[in-house]
Amino acid sequence: MAINKTRAYANLLAAVQAIGGLRKRVDTRSLTLKTFFDAKAKELADVFLDYPDPGVYVILNNADPQHLRVYDEARQKRK
């Protein structure tokens, strides 16, 4: 993020989308996915606060519907 913010955002967004796609192919109760999003949901929500497109929170919601409240709260902070 410190060197190339645009590239970092693109990489993070691609990773979230890939993980979200993985969720659709594996058991939705996967402990690995649950653990990842339990640990990183707040961090992901906060890192995208400065992202130019607020639609990023829709992508996060789709990839991780269990933390919808976290993403909605972050989206509200942007206003």
C-alpha atoms as a PDB file:
ATOM      1  CA  MET A   1       0.000   0.000   0.000  1.00  0.00           C
ATOM      2  CA  ALA A   2       2.842   2.388   0.739  1.00  0.00           C
ATOM      3  CA  ILE A   3       4.514   1.998  -2.657  1.00  0.00           C
ATOM      4  CA  ASN A   4       1.651   1.527  -5.124  1.00  0.00           C
ATOM      5  CA  LYS A   5      -1.809   1.955  -3.649  1.00  0.00           C
ATOM      6  CA  THR A   6      -3.637   1.315  -6.935  1.00  0.00           C
ATOM      7  CA  ARG A   7      -1.886  -1.989  -7.468  1.00  0.00           C
ATOM      8  CA  ALA A   8      -2.383  -3.003  -3.837  1.00  0.00           C
ATOM      9  CA  TYR A   9      -6.125  -2.322  -4.078  1.00  0.00           C
ATOM     10  CA  ALA A  10      -6.325  -4.337  -7.305  1.00  0.00           C
ATOM     11  CA  ASN A  11      -4.493  -7.270  -5.712  1.00  0.00           C
ATOM     12  CA  LEU A  12      -6.636  -7.203  -2.566  1.00  0.00           C
ATOM     13  CA  LEU A  13      -9.832  -7.003  -4.575  1.00  0.00           C
ATOM     14  CA  ALA A  14      -8.741  -9.894  -6.800  1.00  0.00           C
ATOM     15  CA  ALA A  15      -7.925 -11.965  -3.718  1.00  0.00           C
ATOM     16  CA  VAL A  16     -11.309 -11.243  -2.116  1.00  0.00           C
ATOM     17  CA  GLN A  17     -13.083 -12.162  -5.341  1.00  0.00           C
ATOM     18  CA  ALA A  18     -11.073 -15.392  -5.643  1.00  0.00           C
ATOM     19  CA  ILE A  19     -11.841 -16.333  -2.044  1.00  0.00           C
ATOM     20  CA  GLY A  20     -15.504 -15.477  -2.595  1.00  0.00           C
ATOM     21  CA  GLY A  21     -15.530 -17.750  -5.638  1.00  0.00           C
ATOM     22  CA  LEU A  22     -13.918 -20.496  -3.604  1.00  0.00           C
ATOM     23  CA  ARG A  23     -16.694 -20.185  -1.028  1.00  0.00           C
ATOM     24  CA  LYS A  24     -19.205 -21.097  -3.750  1.00  0.00           C
ATOM     25  CA  ARG A  25     -17.299 -24.271  -4.626  1.00  0.00           C
ATOM     26  CA  VAL A  26     -16.599 -25.608  -1.135  1.00  0.00           C
ATOM     27  CA  ASP A  27     -18.775 -26.222   1.881  1.00  0.00           C
ATOM     28  CA  THR A  28     -20.003 -22.841   3.116  1.00  0.00           C
ATOM     29  CA  ARG A  29     -19.208 -23.972   6.645  1.00  0.00           C
ATOM     30  CA  SER A  30     -15.521 -24.356   5.766  1.00  0.00           C
ATOM     31  CA  LEU A  31     -13.491 -23.704   8.898  1.00  0.00           C
ATOM     32  CA  THR A  32     -10.625 -22.248   6.863  1.00  0.00           C
ATOM     33  CA  LEU A  33     -12.790 -19.637   5.144  1.00  0.00           C
ATOM     34  CA  LYS A  34     -14.642 -18.845   8.346  1.00  0.00           C
ATOM     35  CA  THR A  35     -11.377 -18.375  10.232  1.00  0.00           C
ATOM     36  CA  PHE A  36      -9.940 -16.163   7.495  1.00  0.00           C
ATOM     37  CA  PHE A  37     -12.926 -13.830   7.378  1.00  0.00           C
ATOM     38  CA  ASP A  38     -13.361 -13.824  11.161  1.00  0.00           C
ATOM     39  CA  ALA A  39      -9.763 -12.627  11.430  1.00  0.00           C
ATOM     40  CA  LYS A  40      -9.685 -10.249   8.463  1.00  0.00           C
ATOM     41  CA  ALA A  41     -13.198  -8.819   7.930  1.00  0.00           C
ATOM     42  CA  LYS A  42     -12.576  -5.639   9.942  1.00  0.00           C
ATOM     43  CA  GLU A  43      -9.154  -5.149   8.395  1.00  0.00           C
ATOM     44  CA  LEU A  44     -10.525  -5.605   4.864  1.00  0.00           C
ATOM     45  CA  ALA A  45     -13.379  -3.202   5.572  1.00  0.00           C
ATOM     46  CA  ASP A  46     -10.985  -0.568   6.901  1.00  0.00           C
ATOM     47  CA  VAL A  47      -8.393  -0.877   4.152  1.00  0.00           C
ATOM     48  CA  PHE A  48     -11.008  -0.039   1.515  1.00  0.00           C
ATOM     49  CA  LEU A  49     -12.201   3.137   3.277  1.00  0.00           C
ATOM     50  CA  ASP A  50     -10.122   5.246   0.865  1.00  0.00           C
ATOM     51  CA  TYR A  51     -10.957   3.143  -2.193  1.00  0.00           C
ATOM     52  CA  PRO A  52     -12.573   5.339  -4.860  1.00  0.00           C
ATOM     53  CA  ASP A  53     -15.516   3.002  -5.604  1.00  0.00           C
ATOM     54  CA  PRO A  54     -17.841   2.308  -2.646  1.00  0.00           C
ATOM     55  CA  GLY A  55     -19.161  -0.676  -4.629  1.00  0.00           C
ATOM     56  CA  VAL A  56     -16.207  -2.602  -3.247  1.00  0.00           C
ATOM     57  CA  TYR A  57     -18.352  -3.288  -0.189  1.00  0.00           C
ATOM     58  CA  VAL A  58     -20.853  -5.163  -2.359  1.00  0.00           C
ATOM     59  CA  ILE A  59     -17.998  -7.428  -3.437  1.00  0.00           C
ATOM     60  CA  LEU A  60     -16.970  -7.935   0.188  1.00  0.00           C
ATOM     61  CA  ASN A  61     -20.583  -8.682   1.162  1.00  0.00           C
ATOM     62  CA  ASN A  62     -20.870 -11.270  -1.603  1.00  0.00           C
ATOM     63  CA  ALA A  63     -17.595 -12.936  -0.661  1.00  0.00           C
ATOM     64  CA  ASP A  64     -18.314 -12.867   3.077  1.00  0.00           C
ATOM     65  CA  PRO A  65     -22.017 -12.537   3.901  1.00  0.00           C
ATOM     66  CA  GLN A  66     -21.439 -13.467   7.569  1.00  0.00           C
ATOM     67  CA  HIS A  67     -19.771 -10.100   8.212  1.00  0.00           C
ATOM     68  CA  LEU A  68     -22.315  -7.948   6.400  1.00  0.00           C
ATOM     69  CA  ARG A  69     -22.619  -5.606   9.391  1.00  0.00           C
ATOM     70  CA  VAL A  70     -18.861  -4.950   9.435  1.00  0.00           C
ATOM     71  CA  TYR A  71     -18.838  -4.019   5.747  1.00  0.00           C
ATOM     72  CA  ASP A  72     -21.989  -1.902   6.008  1.00  0.00           C
ATOM     73  CA  GLU A  73     -20.546   0.045   8.937  1.00  0.00           C
ATOM     74  CA  ALA A  74     -17.354   0.725   6.974  1.00  0.00           C
ATOM     75  CA  ARG A  75     -19.368   1.803   3.943  1.00  0.00           C
ATOM     76  CA  GLN A  76     -21.310   4.241   6.153  1.00  0.00           C
ATOM     77  CA  LYS A  77     -18.056   5.778   7.434  1.00  0.00           C
ATOM     78  CA  ARG A  78     -17.252   6.839   3.869  1.00  0.00           C
ATOM     79  CA  LYS A  79     -20.159   9.293   3.693  1.00  0.00           C
END
